[in-house]
């Protein structure tokens, strides 16, 4: 990934992170997704007292892009306030797969710039996709 784009995504995700609604976990996350046309959309985690209704930063960013008519993401960057980078949860990995434009980079960073990068396939090997829904599909 182009360093300038990655830095822009990092800054946007870090800025968005300040808007996380995390009264229960106090674990703010910010995310930025790069769409196929070069647009960047951000998201934050939004908690709820009924924990199953909480939405992660990654999904918030992807859903924002989708609500703007974007259907393919090229990369995702996640910023955490932890000592080490944090990977997306399983639900987010599946949503990333749904909107990924092929195999994409997932960049996990801390606020101070520590970084781990993996591909979407490395994070979710054997992902369930629309191809699995075709009658008489072959694995």
N, C-alpha and C. Protein backbone atom coordinates (compact mmCIF):
# COMPACT_ATOMS: atom_id res chain seq x y z
N UNK A 1 0.84 -1.18 0.00
CA UNK A 1 0.00 0.00 0.00
C UNK A 1 0.88 1.24 0.00
N UNK A 2 0.43 2.23 -0.71
CA UNK A 2 1.12 3.52 -0.77
C UNK A 2 1.21 4.12 0.64
N UNK A 3 2.40 4.54 1.05
CA UNK A 3 2.64 5.07 2.39
C UNK A 3 1.79 6.31 2.68
N UNK A 4 1.64 7.16 1.70
CA UNK A 4 0.85 8.38 1.89
C UNK A 4 -0.62 8.06 2.19
N UNK A 5 -1.16 7.09 1.48
CA UNK A 5 -2.55 6.67 1.71
C UNK A 5 -2.68 6.04 3.09
N UNK A 6 -1.71 5.19 3.45
CA UNK A 6 -1.75 4.55 4.77
C UNK A 6 -1.70 5.59 5.89
N UNK A 7 -0.85 6.59 5.74
CA UNK A 7 -0.76 7.64 6.76
C UNK A 7 -2.07 8.43 6.86
N UNK A 8 -2.69 8.69 5.72
CA UNK A 8 -3.97 9.40 5.71
C UNK A 8 -5.04 8.57 6.41
N UNK A 9 -5.07 7.27 6.12
CA UNK A 9 -6.03 6.38 6.77
C UNK A 9 -5.79 6.33 8.27
N UNK A 10 -4.52 6.26 8.67
CA UNK A 10 -4.17 6.22 10.09
C UNK A 10 -4.67 7.48 10.80
N UNK A 11 -4.40 8.63 10.23
CA UNK A 11 -4.82 9.89 10.85
C UNK A 11 -6.33 9.99 10.97
N UNK A 12 -7.03 9.57 9.93
CA UNK A 12 -8.50 9.62 9.95
C UNK A 12 -9.07 8.64 10.98
N UNK A 13 -8.50 7.44 11.06
CA UNK A 13 -8.97 6.45 12.03
C UNK A 13 -8.68 6.91 13.45
N UNK A 14 -7.51 7.48 13.66
CA UNK A 14 -7.12 7.97 14.99
C UNK A 14 -8.04 9.12 15.42
N UNK A 15 -8.36 10.01 14.49
CA UNK A 15 -9.26 11.12 14.80
C UNK A 15 -10.66 10.60 15.11
N UNK A 16 -11.13 9.66 14.32
CA UNK A 16 -12.46 9.08 14.53
C UNK A 16 -12.54 8.36 15.87
N UNK A 17 -11.44 7.73 16.26
CA UNK A 17 -11.39 6.96 17.51
C UNK A 17 -11.88 7.79 18.70
N UNK A 18 -11.64 9.07 18.66
CA UNK A 18 -12.07 9.96 19.75
C UNK A 18 -13.59 9.99 19.92
N UNK A 19 -14.32 9.58 18.88
CA UNK A 19 -15.78 9.58 18.93
C UNK A 19 -16.37 8.23 19.33
N UNK A 20 -15.52 7.28 19.65
CA UNK A 20 -16.03 5.96 20.06
C UNK A 20 -16.93 6.11 21.28
N UNK A 21 -17.99 5.32 21.31
CA UNK A 21 -18.91 5.32 22.45
C UNK A 21 -18.65 4.02 23.22
N UNK A 22 -17.84 4.11 24.27
CA UNK A 22 -17.37 2.91 24.98
C UNK A 22 -17.50 3.06 26.51
N UNK A 23 -18.71 3.33 27.01
CA UNK A 23 -18.86 3.52 28.46
C UNK A 23 -18.66 2.25 29.28
N UNK A 24 -18.71 1.08 28.66
CA UNK A 24 -18.62 -0.18 29.40
C UNK A 24 -17.21 -0.76 29.36
N UNK A 25 -16.64 -0.85 28.19
CA UNK A 25 -15.31 -1.46 28.06
C UNK A 25 -14.18 -0.44 28.18
N UNK A 26 -14.48 0.83 27.90
CA UNK A 26 -13.43 1.86 27.84
C UNK A 26 -12.31 1.42 26.89
N UNK A 27 -12.70 0.84 25.75
CA UNK A 27 -11.79 0.27 24.76
C UNK A 27 -12.10 0.91 23.40
N UNK A 28 -11.68 2.18 23.19
CA UNK A 28 -12.02 2.87 21.95
C UNK A 28 -11.22 2.39 20.75
N UNK A 29 -11.93 2.17 19.65
CA UNK A 29 -11.29 1.78 18.39
C UNK A 29 -11.76 2.72 17.30
N UNK A 30 -10.86 2.99 16.38
CA UNK A 30 -11.19 3.76 15.18
C UNK A 30 -10.79 2.95 13.97
N UNK A 31 -11.56 3.03 12.90
CA UNK A 31 -11.25 2.29 11.69
C UNK A 31 -11.41 3.20 10.49
N UNK A 32 -10.66 2.89 9.45
CA UNK A 32 -10.80 3.59 8.17
C UNK A 32 -10.76 2.55 7.07
N UNK A 33 -11.67 2.67 6.11
CA UNK A 33 -11.67 1.78 4.95
C UNK A 33 -11.41 2.62 3.70
N UNK A 34 -10.63 2.03 2.81
CA UNK A 34 -10.33 2.62 1.52
C UNK A 34 -11.18 1.91 0.49
N UNK A 35 -11.99 2.66 -0.26
CA UNK A 35 -12.85 2.05 -1.27
C UNK A 35 -12.17 2.05 -2.63
N UNK A 36 -12.78 1.35 -3.56
CA UNK A 36 -12.18 1.16 -4.88
C UNK A 36 -11.95 2.47 -5.63
N UNK A 37 -12.69 3.53 -5.28
CA UNK A 37 -12.49 4.81 -5.96
C UNK A 37 -11.53 5.73 -5.21
N UNK A 38 -10.89 5.21 -4.14
CA UNK A 38 -9.92 5.99 -3.39
C UNK A 38 -10.50 6.79 -2.23
N UNK A 39 -11.82 6.68 -2.01
CA UNK A 39 -12.44 7.37 -0.87
C UNK A 39 -12.08 6.65 0.43
N UNK A 40 -12.05 7.40 1.52
CA UNK A 40 -11.78 6.84 2.84
C UNK A 40 -12.96 7.15 3.74
N UNK A 41 -13.49 6.11 4.38
CA UNK A 41 -14.61 6.24 5.32
C UNK A 41 -14.17 5.72 6.68
N UNK A 42 -14.63 6.38 7.73
CA UNK A 42 -14.22 5.99 9.08
C UNK A 42 -15.39 5.44 9.88
N UNK A 43 -15.04 4.77 10.96
CA UNK A 43 -16.04 4.25 11.88
C UNK A 43 -15.42 4.06 13.25
N UNK A 44 -16.27 3.93 14.25
CA UNK A 44 -15.84 3.71 15.63
C UNK A 44 -16.70 2.61 16.23
N UNK A 45 -16.22 2.04 17.34
CA UNK A 45 -17.06 1.08 18.03
C UNK A 45 -18.09 1.83 18.86
N UNK A 46 -19.30 1.27 18.87
CA UNK A 46 -20.43 1.88 19.55
C UNK A 46 -21.06 0.81 20.43
N UNK A 47 -20.91 0.97 21.73
CA UNK A 47 -21.39 -0.04 22.67
C UNK A 47 -22.84 0.20 23.07
N UNK A 48 -23.39 -0.83 23.69
CA UNK A 48 -24.76 -0.80 24.16
C UNK A 48 -24.82 -1.63 25.43
N UNK A 49 -25.66 -1.24 26.37
CA UNK A 49 -25.80 -1.99 27.62
C UNK A 49 -26.17 -3.45 27.34
N UNK A 50 -26.88 -3.69 26.26
CA UNK A 50 -27.15 -5.05 25.81
C UNK A 50 -26.02 -5.40 24.85
N UNK A 51 -24.94 -5.96 25.40
CA UNK A 51 -23.67 -6.09 24.67
C UNK A 51 -23.78 -6.66 23.26
N UNK A 52 -24.73 -7.54 23.02
CA UNK A 52 -24.82 -8.12 21.68
C UNK A 52 -25.21 -7.09 20.62
N UNK A 53 -25.69 -5.94 21.04
CA UNK A 53 -26.08 -4.88 20.11
C UNK A 53 -24.93 -3.91 19.81
N UNK A 54 -23.78 -4.15 20.39
CA UNK A 54 -22.60 -3.32 20.15
C UNK A 54 -22.16 -3.49 18.69
N UNK A 55 -21.66 -2.40 18.10
CA UNK A 55 -21.13 -2.47 16.74
C UNK A 55 -19.67 -2.07 16.75
N UNK A 56 -18.86 -2.85 16.06
CA UNK A 56 -17.41 -2.61 16.02
C UNK A 56 -17.06 -1.49 15.05
N UNK A 57 -15.87 -0.93 15.24
CA UNK A 57 -15.38 0.16 14.40
C UNK A 57 -15.26 -0.26 12.94
N UNK A 58 -14.76 -1.48 12.70
CA UNK A 58 -14.58 -1.95 11.33
C UNK A 58 -15.90 -2.00 10.59
N UNK A 59 -16.91 -2.58 11.23
CA UNK A 59 -18.22 -2.68 10.59
C UNK A 59 -18.85 -1.30 10.44
N UNK A 60 -18.66 -0.42 11.43
CA UNK A 60 -19.19 0.94 11.30
C UNK A 60 -18.61 1.64 10.08
N UNK A 61 -17.30 1.50 9.87
CA UNK A 61 -16.65 2.14 8.71
C UNK A 61 -17.16 1.53 7.40
N UNK A 62 -17.23 0.21 7.36
CA UNK A 62 -17.70 -0.45 6.14
C UNK A 62 -19.15 -0.08 5.86
N UNK A 63 -19.99 -0.09 6.88
CA UNK A 63 -21.40 0.24 6.69
C UNK A 63 -21.57 1.70 6.25
N UNK A 64 -20.72 2.59 6.73
CA UNK A 64 -20.76 3.98 6.28
C UNK A 64 -20.45 4.06 4.79
N UNK A 65 -19.40 3.33 4.37
CA UNK A 65 -19.04 3.32 2.95
C UNK A 65 -20.19 2.75 2.11
N UNK A 66 -20.78 1.65 2.57
CA UNK A 66 -21.88 1.03 1.84
C UNK A 66 -23.08 1.98 1.76
N UNK A 67 -23.35 2.71 2.85
CA UNK A 67 -24.48 3.64 2.84
C UNK A 67 -24.25 4.80 1.88
N UNK A 68 -23.00 5.01 1.49
CA UNK A 68 -22.66 6.04 0.49
C UNK A 68 -22.57 5.47 -0.92
N UNK A 69 -22.98 4.20 -1.07
CA UNK A 69 -23.02 3.58 -2.38
C UNK A 69 -21.76 2.81 -2.76
N UNK A 70 -20.78 2.71 -1.89
CA UNK A 70 -19.55 1.98 -2.18
C UNK A 70 -19.77 0.52 -1.85
N UNK A 71 -19.33 -0.37 -2.71
CA UNK A 71 -19.57 -1.80 -2.51
C UNK A 71 -18.28 -2.61 -2.40
N UNK A 72 -17.14 -2.01 -2.68
CA UNK A 72 -15.88 -2.74 -2.63
C UNK A 72 -14.85 -1.94 -1.85
N UNK A 73 -14.21 -2.60 -0.88
CA UNK A 73 -13.13 -1.94 -0.14
C UNK A 73 -11.80 -2.52 -0.58
N UNK A 74 -10.79 -1.68 -0.59
CA UNK A 74 -9.44 -2.07 -1.02
C UNK A 74 -8.52 -2.33 0.16
N UNK A 75 -8.81 -1.72 1.32
CA UNK A 75 -7.97 -1.88 2.51
C UNK A 75 -8.75 -1.43 3.73
N UNK A 76 -8.33 -1.92 4.89
CA UNK A 76 -8.92 -1.50 6.15
C UNK A 76 -7.80 -1.26 7.14
N UNK A 77 -7.88 -0.17 7.88
CA UNK A 77 -6.90 0.14 8.91
C UNK A 77 -7.64 0.32 10.22
N UNK A 78 -7.15 -0.31 11.28
CA UNK A 78 -7.77 -0.28 12.59
C UNK A 78 -6.77 0.29 13.60
N UNK A 79 -7.21 1.27 14.41
CA UNK A 79 -6.35 1.88 15.43
C UNK A 79 -6.90 1.55 16.81
N UNK A 80 -6.02 1.07 17.70
CA UNK A 80 -6.41 0.76 19.07
C UNK A 80 -5.56 1.56 20.04
N UNK A 81 -6.06 1.71 21.26
CA UNK A 81 -5.33 2.42 22.30
C UNK A 81 -4.60 1.42 23.21
N UNK A 82 -4.22 0.29 22.66
CA UNK A 82 -3.57 -0.78 23.41
C UNK A 82 -2.06 -0.78 23.17
N UNK A 83 -1.36 -1.61 23.92
CA UNK A 83 0.09 -1.73 23.76
C UNK A 83 0.45 -2.39 22.43
N UNK A 84 -0.35 -3.36 22.02
CA UNK A 84 -0.13 -4.09 20.77
C UNK A 84 -1.34 -3.95 19.86
N UNK A 85 -1.15 -4.05 18.54
CA UNK A 85 -2.27 -3.96 17.61
C UNK A 85 -3.33 -5.03 17.89
N UNK A 86 -4.57 -4.70 17.58
CA UNK A 86 -5.72 -5.57 17.84
C UNK A 86 -6.33 -6.01 16.51
N UNK A 87 -6.57 -7.32 16.33
CA UNK A 87 -7.19 -7.80 15.08
C UNK A 87 -8.71 -7.64 15.12
N UNK A 88 -9.35 -7.65 13.96
CA UNK A 88 -10.81 -7.61 13.91
C UNK A 88 -11.41 -8.88 14.52
N UNK A 89 -12.60 -8.74 15.11
CA UNK A 89 -13.31 -9.90 15.64
C UNK A 89 -13.83 -10.76 14.48
N UNK A 90 -14.37 -11.91 14.79
CA UNK A 90 -14.87 -12.83 13.77
C UNK A 90 -15.99 -12.24 12.93
N UNK A 91 -16.93 -11.54 13.56
CA UNK A 91 -18.03 -10.93 12.80
C UNK A 91 -17.49 -9.90 11.81
N UNK A 92 -16.53 -9.09 12.24
CA UNK A 92 -15.94 -8.09 11.35
C UNK A 92 -15.18 -8.75 10.21
N UNK A 93 -14.50 -9.85 10.49
CA UNK A 93 -13.77 -10.56 9.44
C UNK A 93 -14.72 -11.03 8.34
N UNK A 94 -15.89 -11.50 8.73
CA UNK A 94 -16.87 -11.96 7.74
C UNK A 94 -17.41 -10.78 6.93
N UNK A 95 -17.68 -9.65 7.59
CA UNK A 95 -18.17 -8.47 6.87
C UNK A 95 -17.08 -7.93 5.93
N UNK A 96 -15.84 -7.93 6.38
CA UNK A 96 -14.72 -7.51 5.52
C UNK A 96 -14.72 -8.38 4.26
N UNK A 97 -14.86 -9.68 4.44
CA UNK A 97 -14.86 -10.62 3.30
C UNK A 97 -15.98 -10.28 2.32
N UNK A 98 -17.14 -9.93 2.83
CA UNK A 98 -18.29 -9.62 1.98
C UNK A 98 -18.02 -8.43 1.05
N UNK A 99 -17.30 -7.43 1.56
CA UNK A 99 -17.09 -6.20 0.79
C UNK A 99 -15.66 -6.02 0.28
N UNK A 100 -14.80 -7.00 0.51
CA UNK A 100 -13.42 -6.92 0.04
C UNK A 100 -13.38 -7.04 -1.48
N UNK A 101 -12.54 -6.22 -2.08
CA UNK A 101 -12.32 -6.29 -3.53
C UNK A 101 -11.16 -7.25 -3.75
N UNK A 102 -11.46 -8.56 -3.70
CA UNK A 102 -10.40 -9.57 -3.75
C UNK A 102 -9.72 -9.66 -2.39
N UNK A 103 -8.49 -10.08 -2.39
CA UNK A 103 -7.73 -10.15 -1.14
C UNK A 103 -7.21 -8.75 -0.82
N UNK A 104 -7.50 -8.26 0.38
CA UNK A 104 -7.10 -6.90 0.74
C UNK A 104 -6.20 -6.89 1.96
N UNK A 105 -5.54 -5.77 2.17
CA UNK A 105 -4.69 -5.57 3.35
C UNK A 105 -5.54 -5.14 4.53
N UNK A 106 -5.28 -5.74 5.68
CA UNK A 106 -5.86 -5.32 6.94
C UNK A 106 -4.68 -4.84 7.78
N UNK A 107 -4.66 -3.56 8.09
CA UNK A 107 -3.56 -2.95 8.83
C UNK A 107 -4.05 -2.66 10.24
N UNK A 108 -3.41 -3.29 11.22
CA UNK A 108 -3.78 -3.11 12.62
C UNK A 108 -2.68 -2.29 13.28
N UNK A 109 -3.06 -1.15 13.89
CA UNK A 109 -2.06 -0.25 14.45
C UNK A 109 -2.46 0.21 15.85
N UNK A 110 -1.45 0.62 16.60
CA UNK A 110 -1.70 1.27 17.88
C UNK A 110 -1.62 2.78 17.66
N UNK A 111 -2.07 3.54 18.63
CA UNK A 111 -2.02 5.00 18.51
C UNK A 111 -0.60 5.51 18.29
N UNK A 112 0.39 4.81 18.84
CA UNK A 112 1.78 5.27 18.68
C UNK A 112 2.46 4.69 17.44
N UNK A 113 1.70 3.99 16.58
CA UNK A 113 2.23 3.56 15.29
C UNK A 113 2.74 2.13 15.19
N UNK A 114 2.66 1.34 16.26
CA UNK A 114 3.04 -0.07 16.14
C UNK A 114 2.07 -0.73 15.17
N UNK A 115 2.58 -1.57 14.28
CA UNK A 115 1.77 -2.06 13.17
C UNK A 115 1.94 -3.55 12.90
N UNK A 116 0.82 -4.20 12.56
CA UNK A 116 0.80 -5.56 12.06
C UNK A 116 -0.12 -5.54 10.84
N UNK A 117 0.34 -6.10 9.72
CA UNK A 117 -0.48 -6.15 8.51
C UNK A 117 -0.68 -7.60 8.10
N UNK A 118 -1.92 -7.93 7.78
CA UNK A 118 -2.27 -9.26 7.29
C UNK A 118 -3.23 -9.08 6.12
N UNK A 119 -3.39 -10.13 5.34
CA UNK A 119 -4.39 -10.08 4.28
C UNK A 119 -5.72 -10.57 4.82
N UNK A 120 -6.77 -10.26 4.10
CA UNK A 120 -8.10 -10.72 4.51
C UNK A 120 -8.18 -12.25 4.52
N UNK A 121 -7.48 -12.89 3.61
CA UNK A 121 -7.47 -14.36 3.56
C UNK A 121 -6.71 -14.95 4.75
N UNK A 122 -5.65 -14.30 5.16
CA UNK A 122 -4.92 -14.78 6.35
C UNK A 122 -5.78 -14.67 7.60
N UNK A 123 -6.59 -13.61 7.68
CA UNK A 123 -7.44 -13.41 8.85
C UNK A 123 -8.67 -14.32 8.86
N UNK A 124 -9.14 -14.71 7.67
CA UNK A 124 -10.32 -15.57 7.60
C UNK A 124 -10.18 -16.57 6.46
N UNK A 125 -9.32 -17.58 6.67
CA UNK A 125 -9.17 -18.60 5.64
C UNK A 125 -10.47 -19.41 5.50
N UNK A 126 -10.77 -19.80 4.29
CA UNK A 126 -11.98 -20.59 4.06
C UNK A 126 -13.26 -19.83 4.34
N UNK A 127 -13.25 -18.51 4.11
CA UNK A 127 -14.41 -17.67 4.43
C UNK A 127 -15.66 -18.11 3.68
N UNK A 128 -16.80 -17.97 4.34
CA UNK A 128 -18.09 -18.19 3.70
C UNK A 128 -18.35 -17.01 2.78
N UNK A 129 -18.74 -17.27 1.54
CA UNK A 129 -19.00 -16.19 0.59
C UNK A 129 -20.22 -16.51 -0.26
N UNK A 130 -20.57 -15.57 -1.13
CA UNK A 130 -21.73 -15.79 -2.01
C UNK A 130 -21.55 -17.02 -2.88
N UNK A 131 -20.30 -17.40 -3.15
CA UNK A 131 -20.04 -18.60 -3.95
C UNK A 131 -20.53 -19.87 -3.24
N UNK A 132 -20.58 -19.84 -1.91
CA UNK A 132 -21.06 -20.98 -1.16
C UNK A 132 -22.57 -21.13 -1.24
N UNK A 133 -23.25 -20.11 -1.71
CA UNK A 133 -24.71 -20.13 -1.74
C UNK A 133 -25.25 -20.62 -3.08
N UNK A 134 -24.39 -20.93 -4.01
CA UNK A 134 -24.79 -21.42 -5.32
C UNK A 134 -25.17 -22.89 -5.19
N UNK A 135 -26.29 -23.25 -5.77
CA UNK A 135 -26.74 -24.64 -5.71
C UNK A 135 -25.67 -25.55 -6.33
N UNK A 136 -25.43 -26.68 -5.69
CA UNK A 136 -24.45 -27.67 -6.15
C UNK A 136 -23.04 -27.09 -6.21
N UNK A 137 -22.72 -26.22 -5.28
CA UNK A 137 -21.37 -25.64 -5.27
C UNK A 137 -20.32 -26.68 -4.94
N UNK A 138 -19.12 -26.44 -5.35
CA UNK A 138 -18.00 -27.32 -5.04
C UNK A 138 -17.00 -26.53 -4.22
N UNK A 139 -16.52 -27.14 -3.16
CA UNK A 139 -15.54 -26.47 -2.30
C UNK A 139 -14.14 -26.70 -2.82
